[in-house]
Protein backbone atom coordinates (compact mmCIF):
# COMPACT_ATOMS: atom_id res chain seq x y z
CA MET A 1 109.88 85.07 127.23
CA ASP A 2 108.61 88.07 129.21
CA HIS A 3 105.33 89.77 128.39
CA VAL A 4 106.86 92.36 126.16
CA HIS A 5 109.01 90.03 124.23
CA LEU A 6 106.12 87.56 123.85
CA ALA A 7 103.91 90.24 122.33
CA ARG A 8 106.65 91.40 120.04
CA ALA A 9 107.25 87.86 118.91
CA LEU A 10 103.57 87.22 118.11
CA PHE A 11 103.17 90.61 116.30
CA GLY A 12 106.51 90.06 114.43
CA SER A 13 105.31 86.55 113.34
CA THR A 14 102.11 88.21 112.02
CA LEU A 15 103.93 90.98 110.19
CA GLY A 16 106.45 88.55 108.85
CA PHE A 17 103.74 86.24 107.39
CA HIS A 18 101.66 89.07 106.08
CA ILE A 19 104.64 90.59 104.27
CA ILE A 20 105.07 87.60 101.98
CA TYR A 21 101.49 87.87 100.64
CA ALA A 22 101.51 91.66 100.65
CA THR A 23 104.72 91.87 98.60
CA LEU A 24 103.26 89.38 96.19
CA GLY A 25 100.07 91.36 96.06
CA VAL A 26 102.05 94.56 95.07
CA GLY A 27 104.29 92.90 92.59
CA ILE A 28 102.06 90.50 90.66
CA PRO A 29 99.58 93.18 89.51
CA PHE A 30 102.51 95.25 88.10
CA MET A 31 103.87 92.02 86.28
CA VAL A 32 100.38 91.31 84.93
CA THR A 33 100.18 95.02 83.64
CA VAL A 34 103.75 94.68 82.01
CA ALA A 35 102.58 91.38 80.30
CA GLU A 36 99.45 92.92 79.04
CA VAL A 37 101.26 96.01 77.60
CA THR A 38 103.80 93.73 75.89
CA TYR A 39 101.10 91.63 74.48
CA ALA A 40 99.35 94.77 73.10
CA LEU A 41 102.87 95.95 71.47
CA THR A 42 103.87 92.53 70.15
CA GLY A 43 100.90 90.54 69.43
CA ASP A 44 102.67 87.64 70.97
CA THR A 45 99.96 85.46 72.70
CA ASP A 46 102.49 84.05 75.26
CA TYR A 47 102.45 87.35 77.27
CA ALA A 48 98.48 87.19 77.33
CA VAL A 49 98.87 83.67 78.77
CA MET A 50 101.32 84.95 81.26
CA ALA A 51 98.85 87.62 82.38
CA LYS A 52 96.14 85.34 82.58
CA ARG A 53 97.93 82.59 84.66
CA TRP A 54 99.74 85.19 86.92
CA THR A 55 96.17 86.66 87.67
CA ARG A 56 94.80 83.38 88.63
CA GLY A 57 97.39 82.93 91.38
CA PHE A 58 97.09 86.50 92.38
CA THR A 59 93.37 86.09 93.22
CA VAL A 60 94.24 83.27 95.66
CA LEU A 61 97.12 85.13 97.27
CA LEU A 62 94.99 88.31 97.62
CA ALA A 63 92.37 86.63 99.71
CA VAL A 64 95.24 85.37 102.09
CA SER A 65 96.77 88.90 102.13
CA ILE A 66 93.37 90.56 103.03
CA THR A 67 93.01 87.95 105.97
CA THR A 68 96.51 88.52 107.24
CA GLY A 69 96.23 92.28 106.91
CA THR A 70 93.07 92.26 109.00
CA THR A 71 95.07 90.26 111.51
CA VAL A 72 97.79 92.89 111.73
CA ALA A 73 95.18 95.51 112.29
CA LEU A 74 93.41 93.54 114.97
CA GLN A 75 96.67 92.68 116.74
CA LEU A 76 97.62 96.35 116.94
CA SER A 77 94.61 97.03 119.12
CA LEU A 78 94.98 93.78 121.10
CA LEU A 79 98.66 94.00 121.69
CA TRP A 80 99.58 97.72 121.69
CA PRO A 81 96.44 99.59 122.95
CA LYS A 82 98.46 102.53 124.54
CA PHE A 83 100.19 102.90 121.12
CA MET A 84 96.98 103.03 119.23
CA GLN A 85 95.38 105.36 121.67
CA LEU A 86 98.17 107.82 120.82
CA VAL A 87 98.65 107.32 117.22
CA GLY A 88 94.95 107.15 116.37
CA GLN A 89 94.92 110.82 117.28
CA ILE A 90 97.97 111.68 114.92
CA ILE A 91 98.50 109.33 111.99
CA ALA A 92 94.84 107.84 111.17
CA LEU A 93 94.84 109.63 107.76
CA PRO A 94 96.84 107.04 105.79
CA PHE A 95 94.59 104.28 107.00
CA LEU A 96 91.38 106.14 105.99
CA ILE A 97 92.81 106.77 102.40
CA GLU A 98 94.06 103.25 102.17
CA ILE A 99 90.33 102.02 102.32
CA PHE A 100 89.67 103.87 99.10
CA ALA A 101 92.80 102.36 97.51
CA PHE A 102 91.76 98.90 98.42
CA PHE A 103 88.26 99.59 97.08
CA MET A 104 89.87 100.63 93.67
CA GLU A 105 91.92 97.59 93.59
CA ALA A 106 89.04 95.30 94.23
CA LEU A 107 86.67 97.02 91.91
CA PHE A 108 89.10 96.90 89.01
CA MET A 109 90.29 93.56 89.85
CA SER A 110 86.67 92.19 89.51
CA ILE A 111 86.40 93.93 86.16
CA TYR A 112 89.68 92.61 84.88
CA VAL A 113 88.98 88.91 86.08
CA TYR A 114 85.30 88.69 85.03
CA ALA A 115 85.09 91.01 81.98
CA ALA A 116 88.46 90.86 80.38
CA ASP A 117 87.23 88.99 77.40
CA ARG A 118 84.24 91.39 77.04
CA ILE A 119 86.00 94.69 76.90
CA PRO A 120 88.54 96.25 74.31
CA ARG A 121 92.05 95.49 74.90
CA ARG A 122 93.01 99.07 75.88
CA TRP A 123 90.41 98.96 78.68
CA ARG A 124 91.60 95.70 79.84
CA ILE A 125 95.04 97.40 80.15
CA VAL A 126 93.59 100.18 82.01
CA SER A 127 91.67 97.97 84.41
CA VAL A 128 94.79 96.09 85.43
CA LEU A 129 96.85 99.23 85.61
CA LEU A 130 94.44 100.53 88.16
CA VAL A 131 94.61 97.35 90.18
CA ALA A 132 98.37 97.74 90.20
CA ILE A 133 98.07 101.39 91.25
CA GLY A 134 95.55 100.48 93.98
CA ALA A 135 97.77 97.76 95.31
CA ALA A 136 100.86 100.01 95.26
CA ALA A 137 98.97 102.82 96.99
CA SER A 138 97.70 100.51 99.79
CA ALA A 139 101.29 99.41 100.44
CA LEU A 140 102.62 102.90 100.36
CA LEU A 141 100.02 104.21 102.72
CA ILE A 142 100.53 101.52 105.36
CA THR A 143 104.29 101.97 105.06
CA ASP A 144 103.75 105.72 105.75
CA ALA A 145 102.45 104.66 109.28
CA ASN A 146 105.76 102.72 109.93
CA ALA A 147 107.54 105.78 108.61
CA PHE A 148 105.85 107.98 111.07
CA MET A 149 107.00 105.57 113.92
CA ASN A 150 110.53 106.07 112.64
CA ALA A 151 110.21 109.96 112.28
CA PRO A 152 107.33 111.24 114.43
CA GLN A 153 106.20 114.76 113.89
CA GLY A 154 103.09 116.88 113.68
CA PHE A 155 102.20 116.74 117.39
CA ARG A 156 103.52 117.62 120.94
CA ILE A 157 103.21 115.46 124.02
CA GLU A 158 101.83 117.09 127.17
CA ASN A 159 101.01 115.12 130.28
CA GLY A 160 101.05 111.87 128.22
CA ARG A 161 98.57 113.17 125.70
CA ALA A 162 99.00 114.34 121.99
CA VAL A 163 98.35 117.99 121.58
CA ASP A 164 98.74 120.50 118.75
CA VAL A 165 98.24 117.80 116.24
CA HIS A 166 98.79 118.48 112.51
CA PRO A 167 97.80 115.21 110.58
CA TRP A 168 99.32 116.20 107.27
CA GLN A 169 102.68 117.00 108.99
CA ALA A 170 102.66 113.52 110.53
CA VAL A 171 101.95 111.94 107.17
CA LEU A 172 104.62 113.86 105.28
CA ASN A 173 107.36 112.86 107.79
CA PRO A 174 110.90 112.83 106.84
CA SER A 175 111.12 109.04 106.60
CA LEU A 176 108.13 108.88 104.10
CA PRO A 177 110.09 109.47 100.80
CA THR A 178 112.80 106.94 101.39
CA SER A 179 110.66 104.19 103.15
CA ASP A 180 107.86 104.29 100.50
CA PHE A 181 110.29 104.24 97.50
CA HIS A 182 112.40 101.38 98.82
CA VAL A 183 109.32 99.30 99.82
CA LEU A 184 107.90 99.60 96.26
CA MET A 185 111.12 99.14 94.49
CA THR A 186 111.99 96.11 96.49
CA ALA A 187 108.43 94.55 95.92
CA TYR A 188 108.87 95.25 92.13
CA MET A 189 112.27 93.53 92.34
CA ALA A 190 111.38 90.43 94.53
CA VAL A 191 108.25 89.34 92.71
CA PRO A 192 109.89 89.01 89.17
CA PHE A 193 112.43 86.82 90.75
CA VAL A 194 109.72 84.74 92.33
CA LEU A 195 108.02 84.43 88.89
CA ALA A 196 111.43 83.73 87.24
CA ALA A 197 111.81 80.72 89.71
CA VAL A 198 108.39 79.37 88.59
CA ALA A 199 109.34 79.67 84.98
CA ALA A 200 112.84 78.17 85.59
CA TYR A 201 111.19 75.18 87.42
CA GLY A 202 108.95 74.58 84.56
CA LEU A 203 111.91 74.52 82.10
CA LEU A 204 113.64 71.95 84.33
CA LYS A 205 110.63 69.71 84.00
CA LYS A 206 111.28 67.23 81.09
CA SER A 207 107.59 66.41 80.77
CA HIS A 208 106.83 69.90 79.18
CA THR A 209 106.39 70.14 75.48
CA ASP A 210 108.61 72.31 73.23
CA ARG A 211 105.87 75.04 72.87
CA GLU A 212 105.43 75.11 76.60
CA ARG A 213 109.20 75.55 77.15
CA GLN A 214 109.21 78.52 74.63
CA HIS A 215 106.49 80.10 76.88
CA GLN A 216 108.37 79.52 80.13
CA TYR A 217 111.64 80.75 78.62
CA LYS A 218 109.87 84.13 77.69
CA ALA A 219 108.52 84.49 81.10
CA LEU A 220 111.89 83.66 82.60
CA MET A 221 113.54 86.38 80.50
CA LEU A 222 110.86 89.13 81.20
CA SER A 223 110.96 88.36 84.95
CA LEU A 224 114.88 88.46 85.15
CA ALA A 225 114.88 91.66 83.23
CA LEU A 226 112.50 93.48 85.33
CA GLY A 227 113.97 91.84 88.56
CA GLY A 228 117.33 93.05 87.47
CA THR A 229 116.32 96.59 86.63
CA PHE A 230 114.24 97.17 89.72
CA GLY A 231 117.12 95.67 91.81
CA LEU A 232 119.49 98.31 90.60
CA VAL A 233 116.80 101.01 91.41
CA ALA A 234 116.33 99.38 94.73
CA ALA A 235 120.00 99.71 95.41
CA ILE A 236 119.90 103.49 94.71
CA SER A 237 116.84 103.69 97.13
CA GLY A 238 118.90 101.80 99.69
CA ASP A 239 121.63 104.34 99.34
CA MET A 240 119.15 107.14 99.92
CA SER A 241 117.88 105.24 102.97
CA GLY A 242 121.38 105.15 104.44
CA LYS A 243 121.55 109.00 104.15
CA TYR A 244 118.27 109.34 105.88
CA LEU A 245 119.40 107.10 108.64
CA ALA A 246 122.63 108.97 109.22
CA GLY A 247 120.61 112.22 109.83
CA HIS A 248 117.63 111.04 111.50
CA GLN A 249 118.24 107.51 113.06
CA PRO A 250 122.00 107.25 113.49
CA GLU A 251 121.67 104.25 115.97
CA LYS A 252 120.06 102.21 113.26
CA LEU A 253 122.88 102.99 110.83
CA ALA A 254 125.48 102.41 113.50
CA VAL A 255 124.22 98.97 114.46
CA ALA A 256 123.95 97.93 110.76
CA GLU A 257 127.72 98.48 110.51
CA GLY A 258 128.91 97.68 114.04
CA LEU A 259 130.19 101.14 114.48
CA PHE A 260 130.77 101.96 118.13
CA LYS A 261 133.00 105.08 117.95
CA THR A 262 131.96 108.26 116.25
CA GLN A 263 134.51 109.01 113.62
CA ALA A 264 135.34 110.49 110.28
CA HIS A 265 136.50 108.19 107.52
CA ALA A 266 134.16 105.49 108.81
CA PRO A 267 134.65 102.18 107.20
CA LEU A 268 131.96 99.98 105.55
CA VAL A 269 131.96 96.48 107.23
CA ILE A 270 131.02 93.45 105.13
CA GLY A 271 130.40 90.24 107.06
CA GLY A 272 131.61 89.26 110.37
CA TRP A 273 129.76 89.63 113.73
CA VAL A 274 129.61 92.26 116.25
CA SER A 275 131.46 91.86 119.60
CA PRO A 276 130.02 94.20 122.34
CA SER A 277 133.03 93.35 124.53
CA ARG A 278 135.74 94.47 121.86
CA GLN A 279 133.20 97.00 120.29
CA ASP A 280 134.32 95.95 116.90
CA VAL A 281 133.17 93.60 114.07
CA ILE A 282 134.95 90.35 114.23
CA GLY A 283 135.75 88.69 110.92
CA GLY A 284 134.36 91.35 108.74
CA ILE A 285 135.97 92.95 105.74
CA LYS A 286 136.35 96.81 106.15
CA VAL A 287 136.23 99.08 103.17
CA PRO A 288 138.03 102.31 104.36
CA ASP A 289 135.94 105.53 104.15
CA MET A 290 133.01 103.94 102.52
CA LEU A 291 130.42 104.37 105.19
CA SER A 292 131.32 108.10 105.59
CA TRP A 293 130.84 108.31 101.77
CA LEU A 294 127.54 106.60 101.89
CA ALA A 295 126.21 108.33 104.94
CA THR A 296 127.58 111.99 104.00
CA ASP A 297 128.81 111.95 100.51
CA ARG A 298 132.16 112.72 101.84
CA LEU A 299 135.09 110.38 102.60
CA ASP A 300 135.87 112.35 105.58
CA GLY A 301 132.24 112.72 106.87
CA VAL A 302 131.69 112.00 110.51
CA VAL A 303 129.33 109.06 111.36
CA LYS A 304 127.93 108.60 114.76
CA GLY A 305 128.77 105.52 116.53
CA LEU A 306 126.59 103.64 119.28
CA ASN A 307 128.74 104.95 122.16
CA ASP A 308 127.11 108.47 121.57
CA PHE A 309 123.85 106.97 122.82
CA PRO A 310 122.75 105.43 126.21
CA ARG A 311 123.29 101.71 126.21
CA ASP A 312 119.60 100.96 127.03
CA THR A 313 118.66 102.57 123.66
CA TRP A 314 120.94 100.67 121.61
CA PRO A 315 119.14 98.28 118.91
CA PRO A 316 120.13 94.71 119.16
CA LEU A 317 123.64 94.03 117.84
CA PHE A 318 122.69 91.00 115.79
CA LEU A 319 121.07 93.27 113.23
CA HIS A 320 124.36 93.63 111.49
CA LEU A 321 123.94 90.10 110.32
CA PHE A 322 120.48 90.82 109.05
CA PHE A 323 121.35 93.85 107.21
CA ASP A 324 124.33 92.15 105.72
CA GLY A 325 122.00 89.31 104.57
CA MET A 326 119.62 91.74 103.02
CA VAL A 327 122.06 93.70 101.19
CA GLY A 328 124.03 90.49 100.14
CA ILE A 329 121.05 88.76 98.64
CA GLY A 330 119.85 91.79 96.98
CA THR A 331 123.49 92.19 95.38
CA ALA A 332 123.53 88.57 94.33
CA LEU A 333 120.20 88.65 92.57
CA ILE A 334 121.17 91.80 90.63
CA PHE A 335 124.41 90.12 89.43
CA PHE A 336 122.50 86.86 88.61
CA ALA A 337 120.14 88.81 86.31
CA ILE A 338 123.04 90.51 84.60
CA PHE A 339 124.83 87.21 84.12
CA ALA A 340 121.83 85.30 82.83
CA TRP A 341 121.28 88.12 80.16
CA ALA A 342 124.96 88.00 79.30
CA VAL A 343 124.70 84.24 78.84
CA LYS A 344 121.55 84.64 76.63
CA ARG A 345 123.57 87.28 74.47
CA ILE A 346 126.58 85.14 74.16
CA ARG A 347 124.61 81.92 73.15
CA ARG A 348 121.87 83.77 71.39
CA HIS A 349 121.88 81.36 68.46
CA GLU A 350 120.87 78.51 70.65
CA LYS A 351 117.08 77.61 71.20
CA TYR A 352 117.46 77.34 74.89
CA PRO A 353 120.84 79.03 75.96
CA PHE A 354 120.57 78.20 79.66
CA PRO A 355 122.19 74.90 81.07
CA ARG A 356 120.35 73.37 83.85
CA TRP A 357 122.63 74.70 86.59
CA ILE A 358 121.71 78.24 85.70
CA LEU A 359 117.94 77.29 85.74
CA GLY A 360 118.63 75.60 89.15
CA ILE A 361 120.03 78.87 90.54
CA ALA A 362 117.04 80.86 89.09
CA VAL A 363 114.77 78.62 91.17
CA ILE A 364 116.64 79.33 94.15
CA CYS A 365 116.38 83.08 93.59
CA GLY A 366 112.72 83.16 94.29
CA PRO A 367 112.80 81.96 97.88
CA LEU A 368 116.04 84.24 98.35
CA ALA A 369 114.24 87.31 97.21
CA MET A 370 111.50 86.70 99.75
CA VAL A 371 114.12 86.19 102.46
CA ALA A 372 115.68 89.45 101.60
CA ILE A 373 112.28 91.19 102.00
CA GLU A 374 111.89 89.50 105.42
CA LEU A 375 115.39 90.60 106.48
CA GLY A 376 114.74 94.14 105.43
CA TRP A 377 111.60 94.47 107.46
CA ILE A 378 113.22 92.77 110.48
CA TYR A 379 115.99 95.39 110.34
CA ALA A 380 113.56 98.25 109.87
CA CYS A 381 111.40 97.40 112.87
CA ILE A 382 113.76 95.83 115.30
CA GLY A 383 116.32 98.52 114.48
CA ARG A 384 113.90 101.15 116.00
CA GLN A 385 113.81 99.17 119.34
CA PRO A 386 113.56 99.91 122.17
CA TRP A 387 111.18 102.47 120.72
CA ILE A 388 107.80 101.75 119.20
CA ILE A 389 107.57 105.47 118.31
CA TYR A 390 111.06 106.83 118.02
CA HIS A 391 112.22 108.77 121.03
CA VAL A 392 108.49 109.30 122.03
CA MET A 393 107.16 105.93 123.37
CA ARG A 394 109.03 102.89 124.40
CA THR A 395 107.63 99.32 123.31
CA SER A 396 107.54 98.30 126.87
CA ASP A 397 105.16 101.36 127.71
CA ALA A 398 102.85 100.57 124.86
CA VAL A 399 102.19 96.85 125.45
CA THR A 400 98.97 95.33 126.78
CA SER A 401 98.78 94.06 130.22
CA ALA A 402 96.26 91.25 129.46
CA PRO A 403 97.45 87.86 130.31
CA TYR A 404 96.19 86.10 127.11
CA VAL A 405 99.22 86.90 124.79
CA GLY A 406 100.65 83.21 125.18
CA TRP A 407 97.37 81.60 124.05
CA MET A 408 97.01 84.15 121.26
CA PHE A 409 100.66 83.29 120.07
CA VAL A 410 99.74 79.52 119.79
CA LEU A 411 96.31 80.16 118.06
CA PHE A 412 97.68 82.59 115.58
CA LEU A 413 100.52 80.47 114.67
CA ILE A 414 97.97 77.56 113.97
CA LEU A 415 96.06 80.02 111.77
CA TYR A 416 99.01 80.88 109.83
CA ALA A 417 99.93 77.24 109.32
CA ILE A 418 96.42 76.64 107.96
CA LEU A 419 96.53 79.63 105.51
CA ALA A 420 99.92 78.69 104.33
CA VAL A 421 99.07 75.00 103.64
CA GLY A 422 95.71 76.11 102.38
CA SER A 423 96.88 78.59 99.78
CA ILE A 424 99.69 76.46 98.47
CA THR A 425 97.18 73.53 98.18
CA VAL A 426 94.68 75.54 96.32
CA LEU A 427 97.29 76.90 93.89
CA ARG A 428 98.66 73.28 93.33
CA PHE A 429 95.19 71.89 92.79
CA TYR A 430 94.09 74.75 90.47
CA PHE A 431 97.12 74.73 88.17
CA ALA A 432 96.97 70.92 88.03
CA ARG A 433 93.44 71.24 86.83
CA HIS A 434 94.48 74.01 84.29
CA PRO A 435 97.79 73.12 83.00
CA LEU A 436 99.90 75.44 80.74
CA GLU A 437 99.28 73.56 77.68
CA ASP A 438 95.39 74.22 77.97
CA ASP A 439 96.14 78.02 78.06
CA ILE A 440 98.62 77.92 75.31
CA ASP A 441 96.20 75.91 72.95
CA PRO A 442 92.72 76.00 74.32
CA ASP A 443 91.23 74.28 71.39
CA THR A 444 93.05 70.98 72.50
CA ALA A 445 92.10 71.40 76.15
CA LYS A 446 90.40 68.21 77.53
CA PRO A 447 88.45 67.61 80.68
CA ARG A 448 90.69 66.32 83.41
CA ARG A 449 90.15 64.22 86.41
CA VAL A 450 92.94 64.99 89.03
CA VAL A 451 93.87 62.88 91.89
CA TRP A 452 95.41 65.04 94.56
CA LEU A 453 98.74 63.87 95.77
CA PRO A 454 100.59 65.77 98.54
């Protein structure tokens, strides 16, 4: 790879690894809050156990998320110094505010973890709610920086320098509402499906007692309900994002649908692959007028095609596959959640209404949800190329000239492998030492000696 692509690959790997932990870091506190509120309303101790065990996992994941987030910040300066020199004068405000959001999250996380049994229930709910708010605020503020890169405003460039800078205008850019809302809703969608996968895996294990299965079943249904609900909201936010792209980043929308010619009655293309020579999508299913409707709310609305822009500013055409993958997985997850609840309704008189094949699909839904998150971020970031700041600075102009990027790539990949294996190992070891039955019935818990088996 050349220097620019090597730097992009390194930063993309870093961001892709961080997104997994960051998404879990946003969604799990929300799920813990829901479990705590449900426990307060129903008095069902199973929901208190869910909150307790999800919090244990979150504390491990939070540590890795902080590490990878620090790595992202470090690489912004190491790999893209010219970019940081420019944006540091314009869009530093969200990063400054994010520090206070993180402090709030860390402070009330400490209170919730170490003082939950010593404070009244209502204050326990307040503390974990503030953790969820702090985590969401951190994610939204960082996303705002990415939104600015897609829709820069609040400054002018004169002689290569930013002048007439208005920080709040940069913060409140046109991309902010749709980007922040979609990121938050997809996190609240993906994490419930991950936790549903954990519960479904527990139900598939024959070694669990009937009492443990009841607990896992409640966790599964709560997670599927929230995942499906926020999936529908995420779909609505995706529609809003499409309308934003039509007005502000038409190249990104055009590459998502493989649209080359500007036209009214533009079709929505599902599947297939983009052929630059034929300037069409091969093998795709075309839904007439639907892209015009989604972009303009009119069946005869005009949608810009790639041919309206210089060839060297086109995003990579393979992004059509990533966009379809993101939308396809999200749609499948929503339908599965609806299907699972329909099965529960039909077989409501049975103690465990789900056959093993449905539980098997639920297990797969967890990883698929994270794949959809990754595909969404790949589309959002690569769809802006060749610009690092849309129509202001090219990626090739922002990259470092230092020769050490290749070594950095290798060393950071080793670091991510260590963090991934380490976090999985700690989680497996911890929950092996603290099985579900001990939390459901603490009076029967016994000291355990666990031999680690990989």
